[in-house]
Amino acid sequence: MSAQNKVLVRRVVDELWNRGIFEIIDEAFDPDYCHFDPGNSAVCDLDSFRSYVEMMHTAFPDLHVEISDMIAEGDSVAKLWKMQATFKSHFFGIPANNRPISLSGITVYRLAGGKIKECVWGYDSLGLLQQMGVIPVEVSTIA
């Protein structure tokens, strides 16, 4: 089962995140999906997740996710990932600046019945906001 779960997670990365094929959401995700993202508590269920992914593809149309590593055990898959994109359209009210964005993180998936039941996300929100130009990057010197 762990191998099948990894195949599904890899397919979601390829089809949903990298190619913007939104139909996979209904196929791969459980209708009672739960989303846990400490940087974005407004996304919590399947409908808000769908809207979020569409917003991501609008703001970052060249978005590309690379899987660095995956570990699966039982009904869980942990995915280490890297994202590259260009900030082309507003995102949560933040105006675009055409800057390149680079982000890495981890997502832990829990699957049930061959579908993704929940995801827990972890990534550098501060670094993302700095790259988007919202928070200045300050360089300090140690005396």
N, C-alpha and C. Protein backbone atom coordinates (compact mmCIF):
# COMPACT_ATOMS: atom_id res chain seq x y z
N MET A 1 0.82 -1.20 0.00
CA MET A 1 0.00 0.00 0.00
C MET A 1 0.86 1.26 0.00
N SER A 2 1.98 1.24 0.72
CA SER A 2 2.84 2.42 0.79
C SER A 2 3.33 2.82 -0.59
N ALA A 3 3.70 1.83 -1.43
CA ALA A 3 4.17 2.14 -2.78
C ALA A 3 3.07 2.80 -3.61
N GLN A 4 1.84 2.32 -3.49
CA GLN A 4 0.71 2.91 -4.22
C GLN A 4 0.45 4.34 -3.75
N ASN A 5 0.59 4.57 -2.46
CA ASN A 5 0.38 5.92 -1.92
C ASN A 5 1.42 6.89 -2.47
N LYS A 6 2.67 6.44 -2.58
CA LYS A 6 3.72 7.29 -3.15
C LYS A 6 3.42 7.61 -4.62
N VAL A 7 2.91 6.63 -5.35
CA VAL A 7 2.56 6.85 -6.76
C VAL A 7 1.48 7.93 -6.86
N LEU A 8 0.48 7.88 -5.99
CA LEU A 8 -0.59 8.88 -6.02
C LEU A 8 -0.05 10.27 -5.68
N VAL A 9 0.79 10.38 -4.66
CA VAL A 9 1.36 11.68 -4.29
C VAL A 9 2.20 12.24 -5.44
N ARG A 10 3.01 11.40 -6.05
CA ARG A 10 3.83 11.85 -7.19
C ARG A 10 2.94 12.31 -8.34
N ARG A 11 1.85 11.60 -8.56
CA ARG A 11 0.91 11.98 -9.64
C ARG A 11 0.26 13.33 -9.35
N VAL A 12 -0.11 13.56 -8.10
CA VAL A 12 -0.69 14.86 -7.72
C VAL A 12 0.30 15.99 -7.96
N VAL A 13 1.56 15.77 -7.60
CA VAL A 13 2.58 16.80 -7.84
C VAL A 13 2.69 17.08 -9.33
N ASP A 14 2.78 16.03 -10.13
CA ASP A 14 2.94 16.20 -11.57
C ASP A 14 1.73 16.84 -12.22
N GLU A 15 0.56 16.29 -11.96
CA GLU A 15 -0.64 16.75 -12.66
C GLU A 15 -1.22 18.04 -12.08
N LEU A 16 -1.36 18.10 -10.78
CA LEU A 16 -2.00 19.27 -10.17
C LEU A 16 -1.05 20.45 -10.07
N TRP A 17 0.07 20.24 -9.36
CA TRP A 17 0.98 21.36 -9.11
C TRP A 17 1.76 21.77 -10.36
N ASN A 18 2.30 20.82 -11.10
CA ASN A 18 3.17 21.18 -12.22
C ASN A 18 2.43 21.44 -13.52
N ARG A 19 1.29 20.81 -13.73
CA ARG A 19 0.58 21.00 -15.01
C ARG A 19 -0.78 21.67 -14.87
N GLY A 20 -1.23 21.90 -13.66
CA GLY A 20 -2.51 22.59 -13.46
C GLY A 20 -3.72 21.81 -13.92
N ILE A 21 -3.68 20.49 -13.80
CA ILE A 21 -4.83 19.66 -14.16
C ILE A 21 -5.69 19.51 -12.90
N PHE A 22 -6.68 20.39 -12.77
CA PHE A 22 -7.46 20.48 -11.54
C PHE A 22 -8.42 19.31 -11.35
N GLU A 23 -8.73 18.59 -12.42
CA GLU A 23 -9.64 17.45 -12.32
C GLU A 23 -9.12 16.36 -11.39
N ILE A 24 -7.81 16.31 -11.20
CA ILE A 24 -7.25 15.28 -10.33
C ILE A 24 -7.67 15.49 -8.87
N ILE A 25 -8.09 16.69 -8.52
CA ILE A 25 -8.52 16.93 -7.14
C ILE A 25 -9.69 16.00 -6.79
N ASP A 26 -10.68 15.93 -7.66
CA ASP A 26 -11.84 15.06 -7.38
C ASP A 26 -11.47 13.59 -7.40
N GLU A 27 -10.49 13.23 -8.19
CA GLU A 27 -10.08 11.83 -8.31
C GLU A 27 -9.17 11.39 -7.16
N ALA A 28 -8.26 12.25 -6.73
CA ALA A 28 -7.22 11.84 -5.78
C ALA A 28 -7.51 12.21 -4.32
N PHE A 29 -8.40 13.18 -4.09
CA PHE A 29 -8.63 13.66 -2.73
C PHE A 29 -9.99 13.21 -2.22
N ASP A 30 -10.02 12.82 -0.96
CA ASP A 30 -11.25 12.42 -0.29
C ASP A 30 -12.18 13.63 -0.17
N PRO A 31 -13.50 13.45 -0.33
CA PRO A 31 -14.43 14.59 -0.20
C PRO A 31 -14.35 15.27 1.18
N ASP A 32 -13.93 14.53 2.20
CA ASP A 32 -13.80 15.09 3.55
C ASP A 32 -12.35 15.48 3.87
N TYR A 33 -11.60 15.83 2.83
CA TYR A 33 -10.20 16.21 2.96
C TYR A 33 -10.00 17.33 3.99
N CYS A 34 -8.92 17.20 4.79
CA CYS A 34 -8.53 18.23 5.76
C CYS A 34 -7.14 18.74 5.41
N HIS A 35 -6.98 20.05 5.44
CA HIS A 35 -5.74 20.71 5.05
C HIS A 35 -5.23 21.49 6.25
N PHE A 36 -3.98 21.24 6.64
CA PHE A 36 -3.38 21.92 7.78
C PHE A 36 -2.13 22.65 7.32
N ASP A 37 -2.22 23.97 7.26
CA ASP A 37 -1.11 24.82 6.81
C ASP A 37 -0.99 25.97 7.80
N PRO A 38 0.04 25.97 8.65
CA PRO A 38 0.15 27.03 9.66
C PRO A 38 0.31 28.42 9.05
N GLY A 39 0.75 28.50 7.81
CA GLY A 39 0.88 29.80 7.14
C GLY A 39 -0.38 30.25 6.44
N ASN A 40 -1.41 29.40 6.41
CA ASN A 40 -2.62 29.72 5.68
C ASN A 40 -3.80 28.95 6.27
N SER A 41 -4.29 29.41 7.40
CA SER A 41 -5.37 28.70 8.09
C SER A 41 -6.72 28.80 7.37
N ALA A 42 -6.85 29.68 6.38
CA ALA A 42 -8.10 29.80 5.64
C ALA A 42 -8.35 28.58 4.76
N VAL A 43 -7.29 27.87 4.41
CA VAL A 43 -7.44 26.66 3.61
C VAL A 43 -7.55 25.50 4.59
N CYS A 44 -8.71 24.87 4.62
CA CYS A 44 -8.93 23.82 5.61
C CYS A 44 -9.66 22.60 5.06
N ASP A 45 -10.37 22.75 3.93
CA ASP A 45 -11.14 21.64 3.38
C ASP A 45 -10.92 21.56 1.87
N LEU A 46 -11.63 20.65 1.22
CA LEU A 46 -11.41 20.42 -0.20
C LEU A 46 -11.76 21.64 -1.06
N ASP A 47 -12.86 22.32 -0.76
CA ASP A 47 -13.25 23.49 -1.56
C ASP A 47 -12.24 24.63 -1.42
N SER A 48 -11.81 24.92 -0.20
CA SER A 48 -10.84 26.00 -0.02
C SER A 48 -9.48 25.59 -0.59
N PHE A 49 -9.14 24.30 -0.54
CA PHE A 49 -7.89 23.83 -1.15
C PHE A 49 -7.93 24.03 -2.66
N ARG A 50 -9.04 23.67 -3.28
CA ARG A 50 -9.19 23.84 -4.73
C ARG A 50 -9.01 25.31 -5.11
N SER A 51 -9.64 26.21 -4.38
CA SER A 51 -9.51 27.65 -4.66
C SER A 51 -8.07 28.11 -4.47
N TYR A 52 -7.41 27.60 -3.44
CA TYR A 52 -6.03 27.96 -3.17
C TYR A 52 -5.10 27.52 -4.31
N VAL A 53 -5.27 26.29 -4.79
CA VAL A 53 -4.42 25.80 -5.87
C VAL A 53 -4.65 26.63 -7.14
N GLU A 54 -5.89 26.98 -7.43
CA GLU A 54 -6.17 27.83 -8.59
C GLU A 54 -5.51 29.19 -8.43
N MET A 55 -5.57 29.75 -7.22
CA MET A 55 -4.93 31.05 -6.95
C MET A 55 -3.42 30.94 -7.11
N MET A 56 -2.82 29.84 -6.65
CA MET A 56 -1.38 29.62 -6.81
C MET A 56 -0.99 29.61 -8.29
N HIS A 57 -1.77 28.92 -9.10
CA HIS A 57 -1.45 28.84 -10.52
C HIS A 57 -1.65 30.17 -11.24
N THR A 58 -2.53 31.00 -10.74
CA THR A 58 -2.71 32.34 -11.31
C THR A 58 -1.54 33.24 -10.91
N ALA A 59 -1.19 33.22 -9.64
CA ALA A 59 -0.10 34.08 -9.15
C ALA A 59 1.26 33.63 -9.64
N PHE A 60 1.44 32.33 -9.79
CA PHE A 60 2.73 31.75 -10.17
C PHE A 60 2.52 30.80 -11.36
N PRO A 61 2.25 31.33 -12.55
CA PRO A 61 1.87 30.47 -13.68
C PRO A 61 2.94 29.48 -14.12
N ASP A 62 4.19 29.74 -13.80
CA ASP A 62 5.26 28.81 -14.17
C ASP A 62 5.68 27.93 -13.00
N LEU A 63 4.82 27.83 -12.01
CA LEU A 63 5.08 27.04 -10.81
C LEU A 63 5.55 25.63 -11.16
N HIS A 64 6.63 25.22 -10.52
CA HIS A 64 7.13 23.86 -10.72
C HIS A 64 7.61 23.31 -9.38
N VAL A 65 7.12 22.13 -9.03
CA VAL A 65 7.50 21.46 -7.79
C VAL A 65 8.35 20.25 -8.14
N GLU A 66 9.46 20.13 -7.43
CA GLU A 66 10.34 18.97 -7.58
C GLU A 66 10.33 18.22 -6.25
N ILE A 67 10.15 16.93 -6.34
CA ILE A 67 10.19 16.09 -5.14
C ILE A 67 11.65 15.75 -4.86
N SER A 68 12.12 16.13 -3.67
CA SER A 68 13.49 15.81 -3.26
C SER A 68 13.57 14.41 -2.67
N ASP A 69 12.54 14.03 -1.92
CA ASP A 69 12.53 12.71 -1.30
C ASP A 69 11.11 12.40 -0.86
N MET A 70 10.78 11.11 -0.81
CA MET A 70 9.50 10.65 -0.27
C MET A 70 9.74 9.43 0.60
N ILE A 71 9.06 9.41 1.72
CA ILE A 71 9.12 8.28 2.63
C ILE A 71 7.68 7.88 2.92
N ALA A 72 7.39 6.60 2.77
CA ALA A 72 6.02 6.12 3.01
C ALA A 72 6.04 4.99 4.01
N GLU A 73 5.07 5.04 4.90
CA GLU A 73 4.88 3.97 5.86
C GLU A 73 3.40 3.92 6.21
N GLY A 74 2.83 2.74 6.12
CA GLY A 74 1.41 2.60 6.43
C GLY A 74 0.57 3.48 5.53
N ASP A 75 -0.28 4.30 6.13
CA ASP A 75 -1.17 5.17 5.35
C ASP A 75 -0.61 6.59 5.19
N SER A 76 0.67 6.79 5.50
CA SER A 76 1.26 8.14 5.43
C SER A 76 2.40 8.20 4.43
N VAL A 77 2.52 9.37 3.79
CA VAL A 77 3.63 9.67 2.89
C VAL A 77 4.17 11.04 3.27
N ALA A 78 5.49 11.10 3.50
CA ALA A 78 6.15 12.38 3.75
C ALA A 78 6.91 12.75 2.49
N LYS A 79 6.71 13.99 2.04
CA LYS A 79 7.33 14.45 0.79
C LYS A 79 8.16 15.70 1.09
N LEU A 80 9.45 15.64 0.80
CA LEU A 80 10.29 16.83 0.82
C LEU A 80 10.24 17.42 -0.58
N TRP A 81 10.04 18.72 -0.69
CA TRP A 81 9.85 19.33 -2.00
C TRP A 81 10.55 20.68 -2.12
N LYS A 82 10.75 21.07 -3.39
CA LYS A 82 11.26 22.39 -3.73
C LYS A 82 10.36 22.98 -4.80
N MET A 83 10.03 24.24 -4.66
CA MET A 83 9.18 24.92 -5.64
C MET A 83 9.95 26.09 -6.24
N GLN A 84 9.85 26.24 -7.54
CA GLN A 84 10.38 27.39 -8.25
C GLN A 84 9.21 28.03 -9.00
N ALA A 85 9.17 29.36 -9.03
CA ALA A 85 8.09 30.04 -9.74
C ALA A 85 8.46 31.51 -9.92
N THR A 86 7.65 32.20 -10.69
CA THR A 86 7.78 33.64 -10.85
C THR A 86 6.48 34.28 -10.38
N PHE A 87 6.60 35.32 -9.56
CA PHE A 87 5.44 35.99 -8.96
C PHE A 87 4.82 36.94 -9.99
N LYS A 88 3.81 36.46 -10.74
CA LYS A 88 3.25 37.18 -11.89
C LYS A 88 1.91 37.87 -11.66
N SER A 89 1.16 37.47 -10.62
CA SER A 89 -0.15 38.06 -10.39
C SER A 89 -0.39 38.13 -8.88
N HIS A 90 -1.29 39.03 -8.46
CA HIS A 90 -1.52 39.23 -7.02
C HIS A 90 -1.81 37.91 -6.31
N PHE A 91 -1.44 37.88 -5.04
CA PHE A 91 -1.59 36.68 -4.24
C PHE A 91 -1.96 37.11 -2.83
N PHE A 92 -3.17 36.77 -2.38
CA PHE A 92 -3.68 37.21 -1.08
C PHE A 92 -3.53 38.72 -0.92
N GLY A 93 -3.83 39.46 -1.98
CA GLY A 93 -3.76 40.92 -1.93
C GLY A 93 -2.37 41.50 -2.09
N ILE A 94 -1.36 40.66 -2.24
CA ILE A 94 0.01 41.14 -2.43
C ILE A 94 0.23 41.35 -3.92
N PRO A 95 0.62 42.57 -4.33
CA PRO A 95 0.81 42.82 -5.77
C PRO A 95 2.04 42.07 -6.30
N ALA A 96 1.91 41.60 -7.52
CA ALA A 96 3.01 40.86 -8.16
C ALA A 96 4.19 41.77 -8.43
N ASN A 97 5.38 41.17 -8.49
CA ASN A 97 6.59 41.94 -8.76
C ASN A 97 7.51 41.25 -9.77
N ASN A 98 7.04 40.17 -10.38
CA ASN A 98 7.80 39.41 -11.38
C ASN A 98 9.11 38.86 -10.85
N ARG A 99 9.24 38.73 -9.54
CA ARG A 99 10.45 38.16 -8.95
C ARG A 99 10.39 36.63 -8.98
N PRO A 100 11.55 36.00 -9.11
CA PRO A 100 11.57 34.55 -8.97
C PRO A 100 11.39 34.17 -7.50
N ILE A 101 10.70 33.08 -7.29
CA ILE A 101 10.42 32.57 -5.95
C ILE A 101 11.02 31.16 -5.86
N SER A 102 11.68 30.90 -4.76
CA SER A 102 12.21 29.57 -4.50
C SER A 102 11.81 29.20 -3.08
N LEU A 103 11.21 28.05 -2.92
CA LEU A 103 10.69 27.65 -1.63
C LEU A 103 10.87 26.15 -1.47
N SER A 104 11.19 25.72 -0.27
CA SER A 104 11.25 24.29 -0.01
C SER A 104 10.47 23.99 1.26
N GLY A 105 10.04 22.75 1.38
CA GLY A 105 9.25 22.39 2.54
C GLY A 105 9.00 20.91 2.61
N ILE A 106 8.10 20.56 3.51
CA ILE A 106 7.69 19.17 3.69
C ILE A 106 6.17 19.13 3.77
N THR A 107 5.61 18.09 3.19
CA THR A 107 4.18 17.83 3.29
C THR A 107 4.01 16.39 3.72
N VAL A 108 3.18 16.17 4.72
CA VAL A 108 2.87 14.82 5.17
C VAL A 108 1.41 14.55 4.78
N TYR A 109 1.24 13.50 4.00
CA TYR A 109 -0.07 13.09 3.51
C TYR A 109 -0.54 11.89 4.32
N ARG A 110 -1.83 11.87 4.61
CA ARG A 110 -2.45 10.66 5.16
C ARG A 110 -3.51 10.23 4.17
N LEU A 111 -3.47 8.98 3.79
CA LEU A 111 -4.38 8.45 2.79
C LEU A 111 -5.30 7.42 3.40
N ALA A 112 -6.48 7.30 2.84
CA ALA A 112 -7.46 6.29 3.26
C ALA A 112 -8.28 5.90 2.04
N GLY A 113 -8.44 4.62 1.82
CA GLY A 113 -9.24 4.16 0.69
C GLY A 113 -8.71 4.60 -0.65
N GLY A 114 -7.40 4.75 -0.77
CA GLY A 114 -6.80 5.14 -2.04
C GLY A 114 -6.91 6.62 -2.37
N LYS A 115 -7.33 7.43 -1.39
CA LYS A 115 -7.46 8.88 -1.61
C LYS A 115 -6.73 9.64 -0.50
N ILE A 116 -6.35 10.86 -0.82
CA ILE A 116 -5.68 11.71 0.14
C ILE A 116 -6.72 12.28 1.10
N LYS A 117 -6.56 11.96 2.37
CA LYS A 117 -7.52 12.35 3.40
C LYS A 117 -7.11 13.65 4.08
N GLU A 118 -5.78 13.84 4.29
CA GLU A 118 -5.31 15.07 4.90
C GLU A 118 -3.86 15.34 4.52
N CYS A 119 -3.49 16.61 4.60
CA CYS A 119 -2.12 17.04 4.38
C CYS A 119 -1.74 18.02 5.48
N VAL A 120 -0.50 17.88 5.94
CA VAL A 120 0.07 18.82 6.90
C VAL A 120 1.30 19.41 6.22
N TRP A 121 1.33 20.75 6.12
CA TRP A 121 2.37 21.46 5.37
C TRP A 121 3.33 22.16 6.31
N GLY A 122 4.59 22.23 5.91
CA GLY A 122 5.60 23.00 6.62
C GLY A 122 6.56 23.61 5.62
N TYR A 123 6.77 24.93 5.69
CA TYR A 123 7.67 25.64 4.79
C TYR A 123 8.02 26.98 5.41
N ASP A 124 8.95 27.68 4.80
CA ASP A 124 9.46 28.94 5.31
C ASP A 124 8.56 30.10 4.85
N SER A 125 7.52 30.40 5.60
CA SER A 125 6.59 31.48 5.25
C SER A 125 7.30 32.84 5.23
N LEU A 126 8.17 33.08 6.19
CA LEU A 126 8.90 34.34 6.24
C LEU A 126 9.75 34.53 4.99
N GLY A 127 10.49 33.49 4.61
CA GLY A 127 11.31 33.57 3.40
C GLY A 127 10.47 33.83 2.16
N LEU A 128 9.30 33.21 2.09
CA LEU A 128 8.40 33.43 0.95
C LEU A 128 7.96 34.89 0.90
N LEU A 129 7.53 35.44 2.04
CA LEU A 129 7.09 36.83 2.08
C LEU A 129 8.24 37.79 1.74
N GLN A 130 9.45 37.45 2.15
CA GLN A 130 10.61 38.28 1.79
C GLN A 130 10.83 38.24 0.28
N GLN A 131 10.74 37.08 -0.32
CA GLN A 131 10.94 36.97 -1.77
C GLN A 131 9.84 37.68 -2.55
N MET A 132 8.64 37.73 -1.97
CA MET A 132 7.52 38.42 -2.61
C MET A 132 7.60 39.93 -2.41
N GLY A 133 8.54 40.38 -1.58
CA GLY A 133 8.73 41.82 -1.36
C GLY A 133 7.86 42.40 -0.29
N VAL A 134 7.19 41.58 0.51
CA VAL A 134 6.30 42.06 1.55
C VAL A 134 7.08 42.45 2.80
N ILE A 135 8.09 41.66 3.13
CA ILE A 135 8.91 41.89 4.31
C ILE A 135 10.33 42.13 3.84
N PRO A 136 10.94 43.22 4.25
CA PRO A 136 12.32 43.48 3.78
C PRO A 136 13.30 42.47 4.34
N VAL A 137 14.30 42.20 3.54
CA VAL A 137 15.39 41.34 3.98
C VAL A 137 16.43 42.26 4.57
N GLU A 138 16.62 42.13 5.87
CA GLU A 138 17.59 43.00 6.55
C GLU A 138 18.88 42.23 6.79
N VAL A 139 19.95 42.90 6.51
CA VAL A 139 21.26 42.30 6.76
C VAL A 139 21.83 43.01 7.98
N SER A 140 22.14 42.22 8.99
CA SER A 140 22.71 42.82 10.19
C SER A 140 24.15 42.35 10.35
N THR A 141 24.90 43.16 11.02
CA THR A 141 26.29 42.78 11.32
C THR A 141 26.41 42.54 12.79
N ILE A 142 27.20 41.58 13.12
CA ILE A 142 27.43 41.27 14.52
C ILE A 142 28.68 41.99 14.97
N ALA A 143 28.53 42.79 16.02
CA ALA A 143 29.69 43.59 16.50
C ALA A 143 30.55 42.81 17.42
